[in-house]
Full PDB file with SEQRES, HELIX, SHEET, SSBOND, CRYST1, ORIGX, SCALE, CONECT and MASTER records, all heavy atoms in Angstrom:
SEQRES   1 A   29  LYS GLY PHE ILE GLU ASN ILE VAL ASN ARG ILE MET PRO          
SEQRES   2 A   29  LYS ARG ILE SER GLU ARG LYS LEU MET PHE LEU VAL GLY          
SEQRES   3 A   29  VAL PHE ALA                                                  
HELIX    1 AA1 PHE A    3  ILE A   11  1                                   9    
HELIX    2 AA2 GLU A   18  PHE A   28  1                                  11    
CRYST1    1.000    1.000    1.000  90.00  90.00  90.00 P 1           1          
ORIGX1      1.000000  0.000000  0.000000        0.00000                         
ORIGX2      0.000000  1.000000  0.000000        0.00000                         
ORIGX3      0.000000  0.000000  1.000000        0.00000                         
SCALE1      1.000000  0.000000  0.000000        0.00000                         
SCALE2      0.000000  1.000000  0.000000        0.00000                         
SCALE3      0.000000  0.000000  1.000000        0.00000                         
ATOM      1  N   LYS A   1     103.036 129.876  96.675  1.00  0.00           N  
ATOM      2  CA  LYS A   1     104.313 129.924  97.171  1.00  0.00           C  
ATOM      3  C   LYS A   1     104.610 130.824  98.358  1.00  0.00           C  
ATOM      4  O   LYS A   1     105.707 130.985  98.993  1.00  0.00           O  
ATOM      5  CB  LYS A   1     105.372 130.295  95.988  1.00  0.00           C  
ATOM      6  CG  LYS A   1     105.384 129.206  94.882  1.00  0.00           C  
ATOM      7  CD  LYS A   1     106.108 128.051  95.377  1.00  0.00           C  
ATOM      8  CE  LYS A   1     106.293 127.100  94.161  1.00  0.00           C  
ATOM      9  NZ  LYS A   1     107.031 125.792  94.646  1.00  0.00           N  
ATOM     10  N   GLY A   2     103.483 131.651  98.738  1.00  0.00           N  
ATOM     11  CA  GLY A   2     103.554 132.540  99.736  1.00  0.00           C  
ATOM     12  C   GLY A   2     104.225 133.765  99.483  1.00  0.00           C  
ATOM     13  O   GLY A   2     104.589 134.542 100.337  1.00  0.00           O  
ATOM     14  N   PHE A   3     104.523 134.073  98.130  1.00  0.00           N  
ATOM     15  CA  PHE A   3     105.245 135.217  97.750  1.00  0.00           C  
ATOM     16  C   PHE A   3     104.517 136.570  98.064  1.00  0.00           C  
ATOM     17  O   PHE A   3     105.026 137.476  98.557  1.00  0.00           O  
ATOM     18  CB  PHE A   3     105.469 135.053  96.161  1.00  0.00           C  
ATOM     19  CG  PHE A   3     106.257 136.313  95.559  1.00  0.00           C  
ATOM     20  CD1 PHE A   3     107.664 136.322  95.651  1.00  0.00           C  
ATOM     21  CD2 PHE A   3     105.506 137.351  94.966  1.00  0.00           C  
ATOM     22  CE1 PHE A   3     108.313 137.375  95.103  1.00  0.00           C  
ATOM     23  CE2 PHE A   3     106.332 138.403  94.473  1.00  0.00           C  
ATOM     24  CZ  PHE A   3     107.626 138.379  94.461  1.00  0.00           C  
ATOM     25  N   ILE A   4     103.244 136.550  97.697  1.00  0.00           N  
ATOM     26  CA  ILE A   4     102.366 137.698  97.900  1.00  0.00           C  
ATOM     27  C   ILE A   4     102.339 138.022  99.285  1.00  0.00           C  
ATOM     28  O   ILE A   4     102.452 139.196  99.800  1.00  0.00           O  
ATOM     29  CB  ILE A   4     100.996 137.549  97.333  1.00  0.00           C  
ATOM     30  CG1 ILE A   4     101.175 137.335  95.675  1.00  0.00           C  
ATOM     31  CG2 ILE A   4     100.165 138.851  97.529  1.00  0.00           C  
ATOM     32  CD1 ILE A   4      99.895 137.116  94.981  1.00  0.00           C  
ATOM     33  N   GLU A   5     101.955 137.048 100.174  1.00  0.00           N  
ATOM     34  CA  GLU A   5     101.920 137.244 101.643  1.00  0.00           C  
ATOM     35  C   GLU A   5     103.303 137.767 102.191  1.00  0.00           C  
ATOM     36  O   GLU A   5     103.267 138.654 103.075  1.00  0.00           O  
ATOM     37  CB  GLU A   5     101.450 135.898 102.252  1.00  0.00           C  
ATOM     38  CG  GLU A   5     101.361 135.996 103.728  1.00  0.00           C  
ATOM     39  CD  GLU A   5     101.010 134.602 104.325  1.00  0.00           C  
ATOM     40  OE1 GLU A   5     100.850 133.618 103.640  1.00  0.00           O  
ATOM     41  OE2 GLU A   5     101.027 134.504 105.629  1.00  0.00           O  
ATOM     42  N   ASN A   6     104.288 137.175 101.747  1.00  0.00           N  
ATOM     43  CA  ASN A   6     105.704 137.568 102.209  1.00  0.00           C  
ATOM     44  C   ASN A   6     105.910 138.954 101.876  1.00  0.00           C  
ATOM     45  O   ASN A   6     106.540 139.728 102.621  1.00  0.00           O  
ATOM     46  CB  ASN A   6     106.698 136.617 101.555  1.00  0.00           C  
ATOM     47  CG  ASN A   6     107.951 136.483 102.357  1.00  0.00           C  
ATOM     48  OD1 ASN A   6     108.237 137.342 103.296  1.00  0.00           O  
ATOM     49  ND2 ASN A   6     108.886 135.633 102.134  1.00  0.00           N  
ATOM     50  N   ILE A   7     105.564 139.460 100.723  1.00  0.00           N  
ATOM     51  CA  ILE A   7     105.759 140.798 100.290  1.00  0.00           C  
ATOM     52  C   ILE A   7     104.967 141.716 101.151  1.00  0.00           C  
ATOM     53  O   ILE A   7     105.508 142.833 101.629  1.00  0.00           O  
ATOM     54  CB  ILE A   7     105.416 141.025  98.803  1.00  0.00           C  
ATOM     55  CG1 ILE A   7     106.437 140.248  97.822  1.00  0.00           C  
ATOM     56  CG2 ILE A   7     105.472 142.594  98.470  1.00  0.00           C  
ATOM     57  CD1 ILE A   7     107.798 140.786  97.983  1.00  0.00           C  
ATOM     58  N   VAL A   8     103.730 141.526 101.389  1.00  0.00           N  
ATOM     59  CA  VAL A   8     102.806 142.289 102.243  1.00  0.00           C  
ATOM     60  C   VAL A   8     103.406 142.385 103.669  1.00  0.00           C  
ATOM     61  O   VAL A   8     103.310 143.418 104.291  1.00  0.00           O  
ATOM     62  CB  VAL A   8     101.376 141.741 102.246  1.00  0.00           C  
ATOM     63  CG1 VAL A   8     100.557 142.436 103.201  1.00  0.00           C  
ATOM     64  CG2 VAL A   8     100.739 141.713 100.840  1.00  0.00           C  
ATOM     65  N   ASN A   9     103.898 141.256 104.140  1.00  0.00           N  
ATOM     66  CA  ASN A   9     104.430 141.191 105.469  1.00  0.00           C  
ATOM     67  C   ASN A   9     105.695 142.004 105.625  1.00  0.00           C  
ATOM     68  O   ASN A   9     105.896 142.597 106.682  1.00  0.00           O  
ATOM     69  CB  ASN A   9     104.768 139.765 105.801  1.00  0.00           C  
ATOM     70  CG  ASN A   9     105.066 139.543 107.382  1.00  0.00           C  
ATOM     71  OD1 ASN A   9     104.370 139.995 108.123  1.00  0.00           O  
ATOM     72  ND2 ASN A   9     106.170 138.811 107.599  1.00  0.00           N  
ATOM     73  N   ARG A  10     106.502 142.135 104.589  1.00  0.00           N  
ATOM     74  CA  ARG A  10     107.724 142.951 104.580  1.00  0.00           C  
ATOM     75  C   ARG A  10     107.364 144.450 104.466  1.00  0.00           C  
ATOM     76  O   ARG A  10     108.078 145.303 105.074  1.00  0.00           O  
ATOM     77  CB  ARG A  10     108.629 142.586 103.456  1.00  0.00           C  
ATOM     78  CG  ARG A  10     109.274 141.201 103.637  1.00  0.00           C  
ATOM     79  CD  ARG A  10     110.009 140.761 102.362  1.00  0.00           C  
ATOM     80  NE  ARG A  10     110.510 139.388 102.542  1.00  0.00           N  
ATOM     81  CZ  ARG A  10     111.835 139.198 102.839  1.00  0.00           C  
ATOM     82  NH1 ARG A  10     112.658 140.226 102.985  1.00  0.00           N  
ATOM     83  NH2 ARG A  10     112.328 137.940 102.947  1.00  0.00           N  
ATOM     84  N   ILE A  11     106.359 144.748 103.759  1.00  0.00           N  
ATOM     85  CA  ILE A  11     105.902 146.182 103.439  1.00  0.00           C  
ATOM     86  C   ILE A  11     105.284 146.811 104.691  1.00  0.00           C  
ATOM     87  O   ILE A  11     105.622 147.970 105.087  1.00  0.00           O  
ATOM     88  CB  ILE A  11     105.002 146.327 102.382  1.00  0.00           C  
ATOM     89  CG1 ILE A  11     105.742 145.819 100.969  1.00  0.00           C  
ATOM     90  CG2 ILE A  11     104.533 147.775 102.128  1.00  0.00           C  
ATOM     91  CD1 ILE A  11     104.927 145.957  99.729  1.00  0.00           C  
ATOM     92  N   MET A  12     104.461 146.081 105.450  1.00  0.00           N  
ATOM     93  CA  MET A  12     103.732 146.606 106.540  1.00  0.00           C  
ATOM     94  C   MET A  12     104.528 146.951 107.709  1.00  0.00           C  
ATOM     95  O   MET A  12     105.412 146.166 108.129  1.00  0.00           O  
ATOM     96  CB  MET A  12     102.623 145.630 106.946  1.00  0.00           C  
ATOM     97  CG  MET A  12     101.424 145.356 105.943  1.00  0.00           C  
ATOM     98  SD  MET A  12     100.409 146.884 105.780  1.00  0.00           S  
ATOM     99  CE  MET A  12      99.749 147.013 107.354  1.00  0.00           C  
ATOM    100  N   PRO A  13     104.343 148.142 108.264  1.00  0.00           N  
ATOM    101  CA  PRO A  13     105.111 148.548 109.441  1.00  0.00           C  
ATOM    102  C   PRO A  13     104.643 147.947 110.673  1.00  0.00           C  
ATOM    103  O   PRO A  13     103.539 147.296 110.726  1.00  0.00           O  
ATOM    104  CB  PRO A  13     104.892 150.150 109.474  1.00  0.00           C  
ATOM    105  CG  PRO A  13     103.529 150.284 108.831  1.00  0.00           C  
ATOM    106  CD  PRO A  13     103.459 149.282 107.741  1.00  0.00           C  
ATOM    107  N   LYS A  14     105.445 147.807 111.747  1.00  0.00           N  
ATOM    108  CA  LYS A  14     104.962 147.282 112.946  1.00  0.00           C  
ATOM    109  C   LYS A  14     103.880 147.982 113.652  1.00  0.00           C  
ATOM    110  O   LYS A  14     102.959 147.349 114.249  1.00  0.00           O  
ATOM    111  CB  LYS A  14     106.279 147.217 113.894  1.00  0.00           C  
ATOM    112  CG  LYS A  14     107.249 146.104 113.443  1.00  0.00           C  
ATOM    113  CD  LYS A  14     108.440 146.073 114.469  1.00  0.00           C  
ATOM    114  CE  LYS A  14     109.415 145.043 113.955  1.00  0.00           C  
ATOM    115  NZ  LYS A  14     110.539 144.964 115.027  1.00  0.00           N  
ATOM    116  N   ARG A  15     103.881 149.279 113.576  1.00  0.00           N  
ATOM    117  CA  ARG A  15     102.849 150.024 114.147  1.00  0.00           C  
ATOM    118  C   ARG A  15     102.418 151.111 113.238  1.00  0.00           C  
ATOM    119  O   ARG A  15     103.173 151.736 112.461  1.00  0.00           O  
ATOM    120  CB  ARG A  15     103.392 150.803 115.396  1.00  0.00           C  
ATOM    121  CG  ARG A  15     102.219 151.457 116.274  1.00  0.00           C  
ATOM    122  CD  ARG A  15     102.832 151.884 117.590  1.00  0.00           C  
ATOM    123  NE  ARG A  15     101.925 152.586 118.304  1.00  0.00           N  
ATOM    124  CZ  ARG A  15     100.963 151.926 119.132  1.00  0.00           C  
ATOM    125  NH1 ARG A  15     100.927 150.739 119.096  1.00  0.00           N  
ATOM    126  NH2 ARG A  15     100.110 152.709 119.873  1.00  0.00           N  
ATOM    127  N   ILE A  16     101.034 151.317 113.049  1.00  0.00           N  
ATOM    128  CA  ILE A  16     100.458 152.158 111.974  1.00  0.00           C  
ATOM    129  C   ILE A  16      99.237 152.860 112.566  1.00  0.00           C  
ATOM    130  O   ILE A  16      98.423 152.033 113.381  1.00  0.00           O  
ATOM    131  CB  ILE A  16     100.233 151.526 110.716  1.00  0.00           C  
ATOM    132  CG1 ILE A  16      99.832 152.344 109.611  1.00  0.00           C  
ATOM    133  CG2 ILE A  16      99.232 150.368 110.932  1.00  0.00           C  
ATOM    134  CD1 ILE A  16      99.733 151.736 108.278  1.00  0.00           C  
ATOM    135  N   SER A  17      98.852 153.997 112.093  1.00  0.00           N  
ATOM    136  CA  SER A  17      97.590 154.556 112.633  1.00  0.00           C  
ATOM    137  C   SER A  17      96.442 154.056 111.807  1.00  0.00           C  
ATOM    138  O   SER A  17      96.574 153.558 110.721  1.00  0.00           O  
ATOM    139  CB  SER A  17      97.727 156.073 112.401  1.00  0.00           C  
ATOM    140  OG  SER A  17      97.760 156.398 111.077  1.00  0.00           O  
ATOM    141  N   GLU A  18      95.226 154.023 112.372  1.00  0.00           N  
ATOM    142  CA  GLU A  18      94.062 153.469 111.769  1.00  0.00           C  
ATOM    143  C   GLU A  18      93.804 154.266 110.444  1.00  0.00           C  
ATOM    144  O   GLU A  18      93.379 153.705 109.377  1.00  0.00           O  
ATOM    145  CB  GLU A  18      92.800 153.610 112.670  1.00  0.00           C  
ATOM    146  CG  GLU A  18      92.971 152.521 113.811  1.00  0.00           C  
ATOM    147  CD  GLU A  18      91.818 152.714 114.672  1.00  0.00           C  
ATOM    148  OE1 GLU A  18      91.107 153.834 114.729  1.00  0.00           O  
ATOM    149  OE2 GLU A  18      91.535 151.764 115.444  1.00  0.00           O  
ATOM    150  N   ARG A  19      94.026 155.600 110.410  1.00  0.00           N  
ATOM    151  CA  ARG A  19      93.794 156.457 109.245  1.00  0.00           C  
ATOM    152  C   ARG A  19      94.680 156.136 108.159  1.00  0.00           C  
ATOM    153  O   ARG A  19      94.321 156.002 106.942  1.00  0.00           O  
ATOM    154  CB  ARG A  19      93.775 157.870 109.631  1.00  0.00           C  
ATOM    155  CG  ARG A  19      93.533 158.815 108.545  1.00  0.00           C  
ATOM    156  CD  ARG A  19      93.196 160.193 109.110  1.00  0.00           C  
ATOM    157  NE  ARG A  19      92.102 160.327 109.874  1.00  0.00           N  
ATOM    158  CZ  ARG A  19      91.806 161.445 110.528  1.00  0.00           C  
ATOM    159  NH1 ARG A  19      92.473 162.566 110.382  1.00  0.00           N  
ATOM    160  NH2 ARG A  19      90.717 161.395 111.283  1.00  0.00           N  
ATOM    161  N   LYS A  20      95.993 155.960 108.524  1.00  0.00           N  
ATOM    162  CA  LYS A  20      97.067 155.692 107.521  1.00  0.00           C  
ATOM    163  C   LYS A  20      96.745 154.377 106.900  1.00  0.00           C  
ATOM    164  O   LYS A  20      97.051 154.151 105.642  1.00  0.00           O  
ATOM    165  CB  LYS A  20      98.376 155.707 108.201  1.00  0.00           C  
ATOM    166  CG  LYS A  20      99.513 155.607 107.236  1.00  0.00           C  
ATOM    167  CD  LYS A  20     100.834 155.799 107.860  1.00  0.00           C  
ATOM    168  CE  LYS A  20     102.050 155.675 106.790  1.00  0.00           C  
ATOM    169  NZ  LYS A  20     103.457 155.783 107.522  1.00  0.00           N  
ATOM    170  N   LEU A  21      96.415 153.365 107.706  1.00  0.00           N  
ATOM    171  CA  LEU A  21      96.043 151.997 107.180  1.00  0.00           C  
ATOM    172  C   LEU A  21      94.960 151.994 106.321  1.00  0.00           C  
ATOM    173  O   LEU A  21      94.991 151.256 105.216  1.00  0.00           O  
ATOM    174  CB  LEU A  21      95.711 151.108 108.392  1.00  0.00           C  
ATOM    175  CG  LEU A  21      95.351 149.699 108.035  1.00  0.00           C  
ATOM    176  CD1 LEU A  21      96.634 148.993 107.378  1.00  0.00           C  
ATOM    177  CD2 LEU A  21      94.813 148.883 109.197  1.00  0.00           C  
ATOM    178  N   MET A  22      93.971 152.854 106.496  1.00  0.00           N  
ATOM    179  CA  MET A  22      92.870 152.979 105.442  1.00  0.00           C  
ATOM    180  C   MET A  22      93.273 153.371 104.102  1.00  0.00           C  
ATOM    181  O   MET A  22      92.951 152.689 103.164  1.00  0.00           O  
ATOM    182  CB  MET A  22      91.773 154.056 106.095  1.00  0.00           C  
ATOM    183  CG  MET A  22      90.531 154.208 105.211  1.00  0.00           C  
ATOM    184  SD  MET A  22      89.515 152.661 105.392  1.00  0.00           S  
ATOM    185  CE  MET A  22      88.825 153.013 107.038  1.00  0.00           C  
ATOM    186  N   PHE A  23      94.235 154.302 104.092  1.00  0.00           N  
ATOM    187  CA  PHE A  23      94.677 154.832 102.723  1.00  0.00           C  
ATOM    188  C   PHE A  23      95.702 153.738 102.101  1.00  0.00           C  
ATOM    189  O   PHE A  23      95.602 153.545 100.942  1.00  0.00           O  
ATOM    190  CB  PHE A  23      95.434 156.007 102.816  1.00  0.00           C  
ATOM    191  CG  PHE A  23      94.558 157.368 103.080  1.00  0.00           C  
ATOM    192  CD1 PHE A  23      94.220 157.747 104.261  1.00  0.00           C  
ATOM    193  CD2 PHE A  23      94.029 157.880 101.992  1.00  0.00           C  
ATOM    194  CE1 PHE A  23      93.373 158.905 104.539  1.00  0.00           C  
ATOM    195  CE2 PHE A  23      93.186 159.117 102.116  1.00  0.00           C  
ATOM    196  CZ  PHE A  23      92.963 159.562 103.494  1.00  0.00           C  
ATOM    197  N   LEU A  24      96.439 153.053 103.098  1.00  0.00           N  
ATOM    198  CA  LEU A  24      97.358 152.089 102.539  1.00  0.00           C  
ATOM    199  C   LEU A  24      96.612 150.818 101.864  1.00  0.00           C  
ATOM    200  O   LEU A  24      96.977 150.236 100.876  1.00  0.00           O  
ATOM    201  CB  LEU A  24      98.235 151.668 103.696  1.00  0.00           C  
ATOM    202  CG  LEU A  24      99.540 150.666 103.308  1.00  0.00           C  
ATOM    203  CD1 LEU A  24     100.488 151.560 102.397  1.00  0.00           C  
ATOM    204  CD2 LEU A  24     100.236 150.376 104.510  1.00  0.00           C  
ATOM    205  N   VAL A  25      95.500 150.383 102.659  1.00  0.00           N  
ATOM    206  CA  VAL A  25      94.748 149.340 102.216  1.00  0.00           C  
ATOM    207  C   VAL A  25      94.124 149.607 100.865  1.00  0.00           C  
ATOM    208  O   VAL A  25      93.982 148.918  99.938  1.00  0.00           O  
ATOM    209  CB  VAL A  25      93.695 148.897 103.252  1.00  0.00           C  
ATOM    210  CG1 VAL A  25      92.729 148.037 102.657  1.00  0.00           C  
ATOM    211  CG2 VAL A  25      94.469 148.220 104.462  1.00  0.00           C  
ATOM    212  N   GLY A  26      93.550 150.907 100.729  1.00  0.00           N  
ATOM    213  CA  GLY A  26      92.953 151.383  99.506  1.00  0.00           C  
ATOM    214  C   GLY A  26      93.887 151.345  98.375  1.00  0.00           C  
ATOM    215  O   GLY A  26      93.532 150.863  97.217  1.00  0.00           O  
ATOM    216  N   VAL A  27      95.124 151.836  98.475  1.00  0.00           N  
ATOM    217  CA  VAL A  27      96.099 151.922  97.356  1.00  0.00           C  
ATOM    218  C   VAL A  27      96.445 150.335  97.050  1.00  0.00           C  
ATOM    219  O   VAL A  27      96.594 150.136  95.868  1.00  0.00           O  
ATOM    220  CB  VAL A  27      97.297 152.695  97.935  1.00  0.00           C  
ATOM    221  CG1 VAL A  27      98.501 152.550  96.809  1.00  0.00           C  
ATOM    222  CG2 VAL A  27      97.056 154.174  98.106  1.00  0.00           C  
ATOM    223  N   PHE A  28      96.712 149.569  98.066  1.00  0.00           N  
ATOM    224  CA  PHE A  28      97.161 148.270  97.807  1.00  0.00           C  
ATOM    225  C   PHE A  28      96.031 147.468  96.973  1.00  0.00           C  
ATOM    226  O   PHE A  28      96.326 146.811  95.925  1.00  0.00           O  
ATOM    227  CB  PHE A  28      97.413 147.461  99.087  1.00  0.00           C  
ATOM    228  CG  PHE A  28      97.702 146.012  98.882  1.00  0.00           C  
ATOM    229  CD1 PHE A  28      98.835 145.585  98.369  1.00  0.00           C  
ATOM    230  CD2 PHE A  28      96.659 145.007  99.044  1.00  0.00           C  
ATOM    231  CE1 PHE A  28      99.179 144.130  98.227  1.00  0.00           C  
ATOM    232  CE2 PHE A  28      96.952 143.702  99.037  1.00  0.00           C  
ATOM    233  CZ  PHE A  28      98.215 143.197  98.459  1.00  0.00           C  
ATOM    234  N   ALA A  29      94.778 147.531  97.442  1.00  0.00           N  
ATOM    235  CA  ALA A  29      93.644 146.922  96.796  1.00  0.00           C  
ATOM    236  C   ALA A  29      93.499 147.387  95.329  1.00  0.00           C  
ATOM    237  O   ALA A  29      93.244 146.632  94.453  1.00  0.00           O  
ATOM    238  CB  ALA A  29      92.350 147.042  97.556  1.00  0.00           C  
TER     239      ALA A  29                                                      
MASTER        0    0    0    2    0    0    0    6  238    1    0    3          
END                                                                             
């Protein structure tokens, strides 16, 4: 239904640092 993709799309900011993304991806996974 695209629910998970939609949630991820809403959570992610438009601009993010590479280091912050590393921690964010780790927490999400």
